[in-house]
Amino acid sequence: MKEKVLSTLKSSETDDWLDIRVVRPLAYYCALGFAKFDIHPNTVTILSMIIGAASCIFFAHGCYYYEGMSGLWYNLLAIFLLIWADVYDCTDGQLARMTGKSSRMGRILDGLAGPTWFVPIYIALTYRFYCHHSLEFGFFGITDTSTNALIATGILFVFVLISGFYSMSGQQRIADYYIQTHLFFLKGEKGSELVNSEQQQQEYDATPAKGNRLWKIFLKSYISYTRQQEKATPQFQRLMRVMKEEFGSANNMPAEVREELHAESLKLMKWNGMLTFNFRTAFFILFCLIDLPSVYFIVFEVTCMEIFCRWIRHRHESFCKRVADSLER
């Protein structure tokens, strides 16, 4: 069975321990069920979006400190829905590889799944803080008045916006890009979904607007997504240009160059995985259960995870620069 599960993955090197031993096997069985009823992978992605977004209703409740056992159960249900959504988010890709129904639309939808979950969840947690904030006010000696509650909620909302639209989205965007670059170093173009914004722009320009308006909207968003990835990785972009100049195509790099890049990238994969769902969500769940989701936004995601992401980018850019320098000599 392990071999069957692994056959539906892009590579076991890009998944963490929990994914390989728990999430991916669960997703594999889900994929078998969906395949039996000929359900398209994109439908599964949309289901994951709906389930993940629905968890916001229950995350809006305070946990045990504020609402007792009912609050705890609400939060546990929210956590269950979020984990269920994540399993389905893994299922869609495994189902696509199992059935041969991979598509560009599927990749774009997959990239939208996380924001579709976390935008409503983060808004719900801002409302939760407005209703339940005596712990934080007690820590700082703030008098619990309606005015102070509004001011504190406004300040938290700013951090929530930074956390969601800058920190988390940027961190997951770079993590996804490094997964694709690793697969490129490992398998080449055919084994990776690594694309560049210039190619996507050409596809966008060549696609007629009539009858393709929705697809062009998706393509436009994907172009922007990829451009941000490229902007954050100048040394990797330089490496790709150098390899194209030296070998005609980056895909034609010599075996020894590919092995060096793969080895360096592999060292970072375990750290890169900590920018994705499992590690991040473990802390998210913890802070929700102890009724301090505000600490998650301010201390964990905006501060600790941002520093950690910058360190990973520095490591990745450093070895890309070193290899590019050696090729140009």
C-alpha atoms as a PDB file:
ATOM      1  CA  MET A   1       0.000   0.000   0.000  1.00  0.00           C
ATOM      2  CA  LYS A   2       2.855   2.403   0.790  1.00  0.00           C
ATOM      3  CA  GLU A   3       4.122   2.112  -2.778  1.00  0.00           C
ATOM      4  CA  LYS A   4       0.633   2.894  -4.139  1.00  0.00           C
ATOM      5  CA  VAL A   5       0.408   6.023  -1.980  1.00  0.00           C
ATOM      6  CA  LEU A   6       3.900   7.157  -3.004  1.00  0.00           C
ATOM      7  CA  SER A   7       3.023   6.638  -6.672  1.00  0.00           C
ATOM      8  CA  THR A   8       0.409   9.406  -6.378  1.00  0.00           C
ATOM      9  CA  LEU A   9       2.873  11.961  -4.945  1.00  0.00           C
ATOM     10  CA  LYS A  10       5.054  14.421  -6.827  1.00  0.00           C
ATOM     11  CA  SER A  11       7.924  13.261  -4.623  1.00  0.00           C
ATOM     12  CA  SER A  12       8.253  12.041  -1.048  1.00  0.00           C
ATOM     13  CA  GLU A  13      11.173  14.468  -0.682  1.00  0.00           C
ATOM     14  CA  THR A  14       8.838  17.476  -0.658  1.00  0.00           C
ATOM     15  CA  ASP A  15       6.430  16.191   2.017  1.00  0.00           C
ATOM     16  CA  ASP A  16       7.037  16.163   5.772  1.00  0.00           C
ATOM     17  CA  TRP A  17       6.746  13.257   8.221  1.00  0.00           C
ATOM     18  CA  LEU A  18       3.068  13.882   9.050  1.00  0.00           C
ATOM     19  CA  ASP A  19       2.105  14.158   5.393  1.00  0.00           C
ATOM     20  CA  ILE A  20       3.832  10.917   4.409  1.00  0.00           C
ATOM     21  CA  ARG A  21       2.530   8.840   7.345  1.00  0.00           C
ATOM     22  CA  VAL A  22      -0.928  10.299   7.964  1.00  0.00           C
ATOM     23  CA  VAL A  23      -2.269  12.938   5.566  1.00  0.00           C
ATOM     24  CA  ARG A  24      -1.204  11.402   2.255  1.00  0.00           C
ATOM     25  CA  PRO A  25      -2.516   7.886   3.052  1.00  0.00           C
ATOM     26  CA  LEU A  26      -5.871   9.422   4.101  1.00  0.00           C
ATOM     27  CA  ALA A  27      -5.918  11.493   0.922  1.00  0.00           C
ATOM     28  CA  TYR A  28      -5.099   8.381  -1.121  1.00  0.00           C
ATOM     29  CA  TYR A  29      -8.169   6.544   0.180  1.00  0.00           C
ATOM     30  CA  CYS A  30     -10.296   9.641  -0.460  1.00  0.00           C
ATOM     31  CA  ALA A  31      -8.876   9.805  -3.997  1.00  0.00           C
ATOM     32  CA  LEU A  32      -9.848   6.166  -4.574  1.00  0.00           C
ATOM     33  CA  GLY A  33     -13.420   6.962  -3.536  1.00  0.00           C
ATOM     34  CA  PHE A  34     -13.644  10.035  -5.748  1.00  0.00           C
ATOM     35  CA  ALA A  35     -12.112   8.125  -8.678  1.00  0.00           C
ATOM     36  CA  LYS A  36     -14.731   5.394  -8.281  1.00  0.00           C
ATOM     37  CA  PHE A  37     -17.489   7.956  -8.837  1.00  0.00           C
ATOM     38  CA  ASP A  38     -15.531   9.776 -11.584  1.00  0.00           C
ATOM     39  CA  ILE A  39     -15.389  13.030  -9.607  1.00  0.00           C
ATOM     40  CA  HIS A  40     -12.996  15.557 -11.125  1.00  0.00           C
ATOM     41  CA  PRO A  41     -10.006  16.767  -9.039  1.00  0.00           C
ATOM     42  CA  ASN A  42     -11.116  20.398  -9.441  1.00  0.00           C
ATOM     43  CA  THR A  43     -14.428  19.507  -7.776  1.00  0.00           C
ATOM     44  CA  VAL A  44     -12.482  18.138  -4.801  1.00  0.00           C
ATOM     45  CA  THR A  45     -10.486  21.382  -4.632  1.00  0.00           C
ATOM     46  CA  ILE A  46     -13.704  23.409  -4.523  1.00  0.00           C
ATOM     47  CA  LEU A  47     -15.057  21.121  -1.780  1.00  0.00           C
ATOM     48  CA  SER A  48     -11.903  21.742   0.259  1.00  0.00           C
ATOM     49  CA  MET A  49     -12.422  25.493  -0.141  1.00  0.00           C
ATOM     50  CA  ILE A  50     -16.023  25.289   1.097  1.00  0.00           C
ATOM     51  CA  ILE A  51     -15.172  23.041   4.067  1.00  0.00           C
ATOM     52  CA  GLY A  52     -12.155  25.116   5.113  1.00  0.00           C
ATOM     53  CA  ALA A  53     -14.052  28.408   4.848  1.00  0.00           C
ATOM     54  CA  ALA A  54     -16.977  26.942   6.836  1.00  0.00           C
ATOM     55  CA  SER A  55     -14.677  26.395   9.830  1.00  0.00           C
ATOM     56  CA  CYS A  56     -14.677  30.183  10.393  1.00  0.00           C
ATOM     57  CA  ILE A  57     -18.178  29.927  11.887  1.00  0.00           C
ATOM     58  CA  PHE A  58     -16.814  27.848  14.758  1.00  0.00           C
ATOM     59  CA  PHE A  59     -13.448  29.598  15.105  1.00  0.00           C
ATOM     60  CA  ALA A  60     -15.442  32.777  15.831  1.00  0.00           C
ATOM     61  CA  HIS A  61     -16.309  31.310  19.246  1.00  0.00           C
ATOM     62  CA  GLY A  62     -14.065  31.687  22.265  1.00  0.00           C
ATOM     63  CA  CYS A  63     -12.642  28.405  23.507  1.00  0.00           C
ATOM     64  CA  TYR A  64     -12.795  26.881  27.018  1.00  0.00           C
ATOM     65  CA  TYR A  65     -11.662  29.953  28.998  1.00  0.00           C
ATOM     66  CA  TYR A  66     -14.446  32.118  27.599  1.00  0.00           C
ATOM     67  CA  GLU A  67     -17.249  29.725  26.660  1.00  0.00           C
ATOM     68  CA  GLY A  68     -16.562  26.574  28.675  1.00  0.00           C
ATOM     69  CA  MET A  69     -17.134  23.148  27.159  1.00  0.00           C
ATOM     70  CA  SER A  70     -19.400  24.475  24.413  1.00  0.00           C
ATOM     71  CA  GLY A  71     -16.597  26.807  23.269  1.00  0.00           C
ATOM     72  CA  LEU A  72     -14.103  23.949  23.346  1.00  0.00           C
ATOM     73  CA  TRP A  73     -16.375  21.788  21.207  1.00  0.00           C
ATOM     74  CA  TYR A  74     -16.926  24.631  18.738  1.00  0.00           C
ATOM     75  CA  ASN A  75     -13.168  25.044  18.376  1.00  0.00           C
ATOM     76  CA  LEU A  76     -12.590  21.304  18.036  1.00  0.00           C
ATOM     77  CA  LEU A  77     -15.210  21.198  15.279  1.00  0.00           C
ATOM     78  CA  ALA A  78     -13.480  24.122  13.550  1.00  0.00           C
ATOM     79  CA  ILE A  79     -10.150  22.286  13.771  1.00  0.00           C
ATOM     80  CA  PHE A  80     -11.732  19.120  12.369  1.00  0.00           C
ATOM     81  CA  LEU A  81     -13.143  21.039   9.379  1.00  0.00           C
ATOM     82  CA  LEU A  82      -9.795  22.715   8.716  1.00  0.00           C
ATOM     83  CA  ILE A  83      -7.941  19.376   8.797  1.00  0.00           C
ATOM     84  CA  TRP A  84     -10.627  17.816   6.584  1.00  0.00           C
ATOM     85  CA  ALA A  85     -10.137  20.658   4.100  1.00  0.00           C
ATOM     86  CA  ASP A  86      -6.381  20.052   4.129  1.00  0.00           C
ATOM     87  CA  VAL A  87      -6.858  16.319   3.442  1.00  0.00           C
ATOM     88  CA  TYR A  88      -9.041  17.194   0.443  1.00  0.00           C
ATOM     89  CA  ASP A  89      -6.458  19.768  -0.655  1.00  0.00           C
ATOM     90  CA  CYS A  90      -3.954  16.903  -0.817  1.00  0.00           C
ATOM     91  CA  THR A  91      -6.535  14.554  -2.356  1.00  0.00           C
ATOM     92  CA  ASP A  92      -7.083  16.679  -5.461  1.00  0.00           C
ATOM     93  CA  GLY A  93      -3.456  16.418  -6.587  1.00  0.00           C
ATOM     94  CA  GLN A  94      -3.228  12.697  -5.835  1.00  0.00           C
ATOM     95  CA  LEU A  95      -6.521  12.119  -7.663  1.00  0.00           C
ATOM     96  CA  ALA A  96      -5.252  14.121 -10.645  1.00  0.00           C
ATOM     97  CA  ARG A  97      -2.091  12.033 -10.870  1.00  0.00           C
ATOM     98  CA  MET A  98      -4.038   8.812 -10.295  1.00  0.00           C
ATOM     99  CA  THR A  99      -6.539   9.542 -13.072  1.00  0.00           C
ATOM    100  CA  GLY A 100      -4.349  11.579 -15.425  1.00  0.00           C
ATOM    101  CA  LYS A 101      -6.586  14.643 -15.022  1.00  0.00           C
ATOM    102  CA  SER A 102      -3.914  17.172 -14.080  1.00  0.00           C
ATOM    103  CA  SER A 103      -4.518  20.648 -15.490  1.00  0.00           C
ATOM    104  CA  ARG A 104      -3.297  24.241 -15.263  1.00  0.00           C
ATOM    105  CA  MET A 105      -6.720  25.209 -13.886  1.00  0.00           C
ATOM    106  CA  GLY A 106      -6.267  22.635 -11.145  1.00  0.00           C
ATOM    107  CA  ARG A 107      -2.932  24.126 -10.137  1.00  0.00           C
ATOM    108  CA  ILE A 108      -4.395  27.631 -10.064  1.00  0.00           C
ATOM    109  CA  LEU A 109      -7.388  26.487  -7.994  1.00  0.00           C
ATOM    110  CA  ASP A 110      -5.053  24.642  -5.637  1.00  0.00           C
ATOM    111  CA  GLY A 111      -3.138  27.861  -5.039  1.00  0.00           C
ATOM    112  CA  LEU A 112      -6.402  29.629  -4.174  1.00  0.00           C
ATOM    113  CA  ALA A 113      -7.481  27.052  -1.595  1.00  0.00           C
ATOM    114  CA  GLY A 114      -5.421  28.419   1.321  1.00  0.00           C
ATOM    115  CA  PRO A 115      -6.566  32.052   0.955  1.00  0.00           C
ATOM    116  CA  THR A 116     -10.162  30.842   0.557  1.00  0.00           C
ATOM    117  CA  TRP A 117      -9.899  29.169   3.976  1.00  0.00           C
ATOM    118  CA  PHE A 118      -7.920  31.732   5.875  1.00  0.00           C
ATOM    119  CA  VAL A 119      -9.507  35.031   4.801  1.00  0.00           C
ATOM    120  CA  PRO A 120     -12.850  34.167   6.471  1.00  0.00           C
ATOM    121  CA  ILE A 121     -11.076  32.438   9.371  1.00  0.00           C
ATOM    122  CA  TYR A 122      -8.898  35.479  10.089  1.00  0.00           C
ATOM    123  CA  ILE A 123     -11.908  37.801   9.903  1.00  0.00           C
ATOM    124  CA  ALA A 124     -13.779  35.496  12.294  1.00  0.00           C
ATOM    125  CA  LEU A 125     -10.851  35.553  14.731  1.00  0.00           C
ATOM    126  CA  THR A 126     -10.792  39.353  14.637  1.00  0.00           C
ATOM    127  CA  TYR A 127     -14.472  39.328  15.612  1.00  0.00           C
ATOM    128  CA  ARG A 128     -13.654  36.738  18.288  1.00  0.00           C
ATOM    129  CA  PHE A 129     -11.037  39.060  19.782  1.00  0.00           C
ATOM    130  CA  TYR A 130     -13.578  41.911  19.865  1.00  0.00           C
ATOM    131  CA  CYS A 131     -15.940  39.683  21.867  1.00  0.00           C
ATOM    132  CA  HIS A 132     -13.327  37.928  24.018  1.00  0.00           C
ATOM    133  CA  HIS A 133     -10.179  39.853  24.953  1.00  0.00           C
ATOM    134  CA  SER A 134      -9.976  39.941  28.757  1.00  0.00           C
ATOM    135  CA  LEU A 135      -6.827  37.763  28.743  1.00  0.00           C
ATOM    136  CA  GLU A 136      -4.887  40.202  26.548  1.00  0.00           C
ATOM    137  CA  PHE A 137      -6.287  43.255  28.358  1.00  0.00           C
ATOM    138  CA  GLY A 138      -5.301  41.691  31.681  1.00  0.00           C
ATOM    139  CA  PHE A 139      -1.723  41.119  30.489  1.00  0.00           C
ATOM    140  CA  PHE A 140      -1.307  44.795  29.571  1.00  0.00           C
ATOM    141  CA  GLY A 141      -3.471  46.293  32.315  1.00  0.00           C
ATOM    142  CA  ILE A 142      -5.968  47.770  29.851  1.00  0.00           C
ATOM    143  CA  THR A 143      -9.397  48.740  31.150  1.00  0.00           C
ATOM    144  CA  ASP A 144     -12.063  46.741  29.337  1.00  0.00           C
ATOM    145  CA  THR A 145     -14.257  49.475  27.866  1.00  0.00           C
ATOM    146  CA  SER A 146     -16.084  49.500  24.537  1.00  0.00           C
ATOM    147  CA  THR A 147     -13.756  52.231  23.246  1.00  0.00           C
ATOM    148  CA  ASN A 148     -10.631  50.320  24.225  1.00  0.00           C
ATOM    149  CA  ALA A 149     -12.093  47.147  22.698  1.00  0.00           C
ATOM    150  CA  LEU A 150     -12.681  48.933  19.384  1.00  0.00           C
ATOM    151  CA  ILE A 151      -9.189  50.464  19.337  1.00  0.00           C
ATOM    152  CA  ALA A 152      -7.511  47.149  20.234  1.00  0.00           C
ATOM    153  CA  THR A 153      -9.568  45.300  17.620  1.00  0.00           C
ATOM    154  CA  GLY A 154      -8.589  47.882  14.990  1.00  0.00           C
ATOM    155  CA  ILE A 155      -4.903  47.425  15.842  1.00  0.00           C
ATOM    156  CA  LEU A 156      -5.262  43.648  15.719  1.00  0.00           C
ATOM    157  CA  PHE A 157      -7.055  43.904  12.375  1.00  0.00           C
ATOM    158  CA  VAL A 158      -4.004  45.682  10.925  1.00  0.00           C
ATOM    159  CA  PHE A 159      -1.818  42.797  12.133  1.00  0.00           C
ATOM    160  CA  VAL A 160      -4.329  40.303  10.710  1.00  0.00           C
ATOM    161  CA  LEU A 161      -4.090  41.995   7.302  1.00  0.00           C
ATOM    162  CA  ILE A 162      -0.278  41.933   7.459  1.00  0.00           C
ATOM    163  CA  SER A 163      -0.361  38.354   8.711  1.00  0.00           C
ATOM    164  CA  GLY A 164      -2.712  37.057   6.021  1.00  0.00           C
ATOM    165  CA  PHE A 165      -1.921  39.109   2.919  1.00  0.00           C
ATOM    166  CA  TYR A 166       1.801  39.604   3.474  1.00  0.00           C
ATOM    167  CA  SER A 167       3.272  37.071   5.895  1.00  0.00           C
ATOM    168  CA  MET A 168       1.312  33.854   5.375  1.00  0.00           C
ATOM    169  CA  SER A 169       0.615  34.355   1.671  1.00  0.00           C
ATOM    170  CA  GLY A 170       4.229  35.333   0.980  1.00  0.00           C
ATOM    171  CA  GLN A 171       5.650  32.484   3.035  1.00  0.00           C
ATOM    172  CA  GLN A 172       3.452  29.867   1.403  1.00  0.00           C
ATOM    173  CA  ARG A 173       4.110  31.354  -2.038  1.00  0.00           C
ATOM    174  CA  ILE A 174       7.864  30.972  -1.580  1.00  0.00           C
ATOM    175  CA  ALA A 175       7.466  27.498  -0.048  1.00  0.00           C
ATOM    176  CA  ASP A 176       5.451  26.352  -3.063  1.00  0.00           C
ATOM    177  CA  TYR A 177       8.055  27.806  -5.419  1.00  0.00           C
ATOM    178  CA  TYR A 178      10.890  26.009  -3.669  1.00  0.00           C
ATOM    179  CA  ILE A 179       8.959  22.740  -3.914  1.00  0.00           C
ATOM    180  CA  GLN A 180       8.689  23.228  -7.679  1.00  0.00           C
ATOM    181  CA  THR A 181      12.362  24.200  -8.027  1.00  0.00           C
ATOM    182  CA  HIS A 182      13.325  21.101  -6.042  1.00  0.00           C
ATOM    183  CA  LEU A 183      11.231  18.915  -8.332  1.00  0.00           C
ATOM    184  CA  PHE A 184      12.926  20.586 -11.303  1.00  0.00           C
ATOM    185  CA  PHE A 185      16.375  19.787  -9.879  1.00  0.00           C
ATOM    186  CA  LEU A 186      15.187  16.230  -9.189  1.00  0.00           C
ATOM    187  CA  LYS A 187      13.166  15.374 -12.309  1.00  0.00           C
ATOM    188  CA  GLY A 188      13.568  18.154 -14.838  1.00  0.00           C
ATOM    189  CA  GLU A 189      10.791  20.015 -16.625  1.00  0.00           C
ATOM    190  CA  LYS A 190       8.487  17.006 -17.006  1.00  0.00           C
ATOM    191  CA  GLY A 191       8.498  16.253 -13.300  1.00  0.00           C
ATOM    192  CA  SER A 192       7.891  19.822 -12.172  1.00  0.00           C
ATOM    193  CA  GLU A 193       5.225  22.504 -12.532  1.00  0.00           C
ATOM    194  CA  LEU A 194       7.883  25.224 -12.580  1.00  0.00           C
ATOM    195  CA  VAL A 195       6.772  27.921 -15.012  1.00  0.00           C
ATOM    196  CA  ASN A 196       7.781  31.520 -15.599  1.00  0.00           C
ATOM    197  CA  SER A 197       5.622  34.613 -15.843  1.00  0.00           C
ATOM    198  CA  GLU A 198       6.825  35.443 -19.362  1.00  0.00           C
ATOM    199  CA  GLN A 199       5.466  32.151 -20.728  1.00  0.00           C
ATOM    200  CA  GLN A 200       2.210  32.674 -18.859  1.00  0.00           C
ATOM    201  CA  GLN A 201       1.911  36.227 -20.205  1.00  0.00           C
ATOM    202  CA  GLN A 202       2.342  34.914 -23.748  1.00  0.00           C
ATOM    203  CA  GLU A 203      -0.425  32.377 -23.136  1.00  0.00           C
ATOM    204  CA  TYR A 204      -2.634  35.116 -21.686  1.00  0.00           C
ATOM    205  CA  ASP A 205      -2.047  37.410 -24.680  1.00  0.00           C
ATOM    206  CA  ALA A 206      -2.715  34.582 -27.147  1.00  0.00           C
ATOM    207  CA  THR A 207      -6.005  33.581 -25.475  1.00  0.00           C
ATOM    208  CA  PRO A 208      -9.017  35.338 -27.048  1.00  0.00           C
ATOM    209  CA  ALA A 209     -11.292  37.111 -24.568  1.00  0.00           C
ATOM    210  CA  LYS A 210     -14.486  35.815 -26.152  1.00  0.00           C
ATOM    211  CA  GLY A 211     -15.580  32.663 -24.375  1.00  0.00           C
ATOM    212  CA  ASN A 212     -12.479  32.656 -22.132  1.00  0.00           C
ATOM    213  CA  ARG A 213     -13.087  35.536 -19.710  1.00  0.00           C
ATOM    214  CA  LEU A 214     -13.017  33.402 -16.547  1.00  0.00           C
ATOM    215  CA  TRP A 215      -9.916  31.526 -17.716  1.00  0.00           C
ATOM    216  CA  LYS A 216      -8.156  34.815 -18.470  1.00  0.00           C
ATOM    217  CA  ILE A 217      -8.951  36.053 -14.951  1.00  0.00           C
ATOM    218  CA  PHE A 218      -7.375  32.893 -13.527  1.00  0.00           C
ATOM    219  CA  LEU A 219      -4.369  33.259 -15.815  1.00  0.00           C
ATOM    220  CA  LYS A 220      -3.912  36.900 -14.825  1.00  0.00           C
ATOM    221  CA  SER A 221      -3.908  35.984 -11.130  1.00  0.00           C
ATOM    222  CA  TYR A 222      -1.412  33.197 -11.780  1.00  0.00           C
ATOM    223  CA  ILE A 223       0.883  35.572 -13.696  1.00  0.00           C
ATOM    224  CA  SER A 224       0.891  37.933 -10.711  1.00  0.00           C
ATOM    225  CA  TYR A 225       1.509  35.012  -8.335  1.00  0.00           C
ATOM    226  CA  THR A 226       4.492  33.796 -10.370  1.00  0.00           C
ATOM    227  CA  ARG A 227       5.965  37.274 -10.786  1.00  0.00           C
ATOM    228  CA  GLN A 228       6.004  37.691  -7.033  1.00  0.00           C
ATOM    229  CA  GLN A 229       7.828  34.346  -6.702  1.00  0.00           C
ATOM    230  CA  GLU A 230      10.391  35.452  -9.295  1.00  0.00           C
ATOM    231  CA  LYS A 231      10.884  38.845  -7.654  1.00  0.00           C
ATOM    232  CA  ALA A 232      11.655  37.141  -4.338  1.00  0.00           C
ATOM    233  CA  THR A 233      14.295  34.830  -5.895  1.00  0.00           C
ATOM    234  CA  PRO A 234      16.718  36.931  -8.000  1.00  0.00           C
ATOM    235  CA  GLN A 235      19.658  34.528  -7.675  1.00  0.00           C
ATOM    236  CA  PHE A 236      17.579  31.541  -8.745  1.00  0.00           C
ATOM    237  CA  GLN A 237      16.346  33.538 -11.765  1.00  0.00           C
ATOM    238  CA  ARG A 238      19.977  34.375 -12.560  1.00  0.00           C
ATOM    239  CA  LEU A 239      20.928  30.693 -12.260  1.00  0.00           C
ATOM    240  CA  MET A 240      18.205  29.733 -14.747  1.00  0.00           C
ATOM    241  CA  ARG A 241      19.420  32.401 -17.210  1.00  0.00           C
ATOM    242  CA  VAL A 242      23.037  31.256 -16.877  1.00  0.00           C
ATOM    243  CA  MET A 243      22.095  27.611 -17.469  1.00  0.00           C
ATOM    244  CA  LYS A 244      20.069  28.595 -20.527  1.00  0.00           C
ATOM    245  CA  GLU A 245      23.064  30.513 -21.905  1.00  0.00           C
ATOM    246  CA  GLU A 246      25.526  27.715 -21.123  1.00  0.00           C
ATOM    247  CA  PHE A 247      23.465  24.665 -22.087  1.00  0.00           C
ATOM    248  CA  GLY A 248      20.724  25.999 -24.393  1.00  0.00           C
ATOM    249  CA  SER A 249      18.097  25.213 -21.768  1.00  0.00           C
ATOM    250  CA  ALA A 250      18.128  24.863 -17.989  1.00  0.00           C
ATOM    251  CA  ASN A 251      16.712  21.394 -18.537  1.00  0.00           C
ATOM    252  CA  ASN A 252      19.960  20.413 -20.333  1.00  0.00           C
ATOM    253  CA  MET A 253      22.204  21.038 -17.320  1.00  0.00           C
ATOM    254  CA  PRO A 254      24.929  18.393 -16.823  1.00  0.00           C
ATOM    255  CA  ALA A 255      24.238  15.584 -14.376  1.00  0.00           C
ATOM    256  CA  GLU A 256      26.858  16.825 -11.895  1.00  0.00           C
ATOM    257  CA  VAL A 257      25.251  20.288 -11.795  1.00  0.00           C
ATOM    258  CA  ARG A 258      21.793  18.772 -11.300  1.00  0.00           C
ATOM    259  CA  GLU A 259      23.104  16.524  -8.517  1.00  0.00           C
ATOM    260  CA  GLU A 260      24.719  19.475  -6.729  1.00  0.00           C
ATOM    261  CA  LEU A 261      21.567  21.590  -6.945  1.00  0.00           C
ATOM    262  CA  HIS A 262      19.374  18.683  -5.856  1.00  0.00           C
ATOM    263  CA  ALA A 263      21.589  17.942  -2.855  1.00  0.00           C
ATOM    264  CA  GLU A 264      21.580  21.582  -1.720  1.00  0.00           C
ATOM    265  CA  SER A 265      17.827  21.911  -2.231  1.00  0.00           C
ATOM    266  CA  LEU A 266      17.157  18.664  -0.373  1.00  0.00           C
ATOM    267  CA  LYS A 267      18.864  20.060   2.738  1.00  0.00           C
ATOM    268  CA  LEU A 268      16.286  22.849   2.788  1.00  0.00           C
ATOM    269  CA  MET A 269      13.174  20.782   2.118  1.00  0.00           C
ATOM    270  CA  LYS A 270      12.621  19.817   5.774  1.00  0.00           C
ATOM    271  CA  TRP A 271      12.820  23.500   6.736  1.00  0.00           C
ATOM    272  CA  ASN A 272      10.760  24.598   3.752  1.00  0.00           C
ATOM    273  CA  GLY A 273       8.017  22.214   4.864  1.00  0.00           C
ATOM    274  CA  MET A 274       7.671  24.210   8.070  1.00  0.00           C
ATOM    275  CA  LEU A 275       6.349  27.134   6.011  1.00  0.00           C
ATOM    276  CA  THR A 276       3.455  25.015   4.747  1.00  0.00           C
ATOM    277  CA  PHE A 277       0.265  23.792   6.393  1.00  0.00           C
ATOM    278  CA  ASN A 278       1.180  21.275   9.109  1.00  0.00           C
ATOM    279  CA  PHE A 279       3.729  23.149  11.221  1.00  0.00           C
ATOM    280  CA  ARG A 280       1.961  26.493  10.913  1.00  0.00           C
ATOM    281  CA  THR A 281      -1.462  25.043  11.687  1.00  0.00           C
ATOM    282  CA  ALA A 282      -0.219  23.208  14.779  1.00  0.00           C
ATOM    283  CA  PHE A 283       0.628  26.573  16.350  1.00  0.00           C
ATOM    284  CA  PHE A 284      -2.551  28.150  14.998  1.00  0.00           C
ATOM    285  CA  ILE A 285      -4.601  25.438  16.694  1.00  0.00           C
ATOM    286  CA  LEU A 286      -2.646  25.787  19.948  1.00  0.00           C
ATOM    287  CA  PHE A 287      -3.224  29.542  20.200  1.00  0.00           C
ATOM    288  CA  CYS A 288      -6.930  29.153  19.399  1.00  0.00           C
ATOM    289  CA  LEU A 289      -7.361  26.471  22.071  1.00  0.00           C
ATOM    290  CA  ILE A 290      -5.674  28.601  24.748  1.00  0.00           C
ATOM    291  CA  ASP A 291      -7.815  31.575  23.699  1.00  0.00           C
ATOM    292  CA  LEU A 292      -4.920  33.719  22.460  1.00  0.00           C
ATOM    293  CA  PRO A 293      -5.282  33.813  18.649  1.00  0.00           C
ATOM    294  CA  SER A 294      -4.014  37.413  18.708  1.00  0.00           C
ATOM    295  CA  VAL A 295      -0.614  36.128  19.868  1.00  0.00           C
ATOM    296  CA  TYR A 296      -0.521  33.801  16.859  1.00  0.00           C
ATOM    297  CA  PHE A 297      -0.850  36.712  14.430  1.00  0.00           C
ATOM    298  CA  ILE A 298       1.518  39.159  16.119  1.00  0.00           C
ATOM    299  CA  VAL A 299       4.222  36.944  17.590  1.00  0.00           C
ATOM    300  CA  PHE A 300       4.187  33.749  15.557  1.00  0.00           C
ATOM    301  CA  GLU A 301       3.170  34.542  11.984  1.00  0.00           C
ATOM    302  CA  VAL A 302       4.226  38.166  11.496  1.00  0.00           C
ATOM    303  CA  THR A 303       7.442  37.884  13.532  1.00  0.00           C
ATOM    304  CA  CYS A 304       8.808  34.352  14.001  1.00  0.00           C
ATOM    305  CA  MET A 305       7.664  32.820  10.704  1.00  0.00           C
ATOM    306  CA  GLU A 306       8.715  35.878   8.713  1.00  0.00           C
ATOM    307  CA  ILE A 307      12.254  35.703  10.136  1.00  0.00           C
ATOM    308  CA  PHE A 308      12.335  31.960   9.452  1.00  0.00           C
ATOM    309  CA  CYS A 309      11.148  32.442   5.846  1.00  0.00           C
ATOM    310  CA  ARG A 310      13.836  35.054   5.209  1.00  0.00           C
ATOM    311  CA  TRP A 311      16.477  32.639   6.501  1.00  0.00           C
ATOM    312  CA  ILE A 312      15.279  29.918   4.100  1.00  0.00           C
ATOM    313  CA  ARG A 313      15.319  32.382   1.206  1.00  0.00           C
ATOM    314  CA  HIS A 314      18.863  33.412   2.138  1.00  0.00           C
ATOM    315  CA  ARG A 315      20.027  29.771   2.154  1.00  0.00           C
ATOM    316  CA  HIS A 316      18.364  29.004  -1.185  1.00  0.00           C
ATOM    317  CA  GLU A 317      19.609  32.166  -2.865  1.00  0.00           C
ATOM    318  CA  SER A 318      23.137  31.538  -1.552  1.00  0.00           C
ATOM    319  CA  PHE A 319      23.592  28.134  -3.159  1.00  0.00           C
ATOM    320  CA  CYS A 320      21.949  29.336  -6.396  1.00  0.00           C
ATOM    321  CA  LYS A 321      24.441  32.225  -6.519  1.00  0.00           C
ATOM    322  CA  ARG A 322      27.366  29.901  -5.825  1.00  0.00           C
ATOM    323  CA  VAL A 323      26.427  27.528  -8.657  1.00  0.00           C
ATOM    324  CA  ALA A 324      25.701  30.390 -11.068  1.00  0.00           C
ATOM    325  CA  ASP A 325      29.085  31.959 -10.254  1.00  0.00           C
ATOM    326  CA  SER A 326      30.882  28.665 -10.907  1.00  0.00           C
ATOM    327  CA  LEU A 327      29.154  28.250 -14.291  1.00  0.00           C
ATOM    328  CA  GLU A 328      30.111  31.742 -15.409  1.00  0.00           C
ATOM    329  CA  ARG A 329      33.837  31.278 -14.735  1.00  0.00           C
END
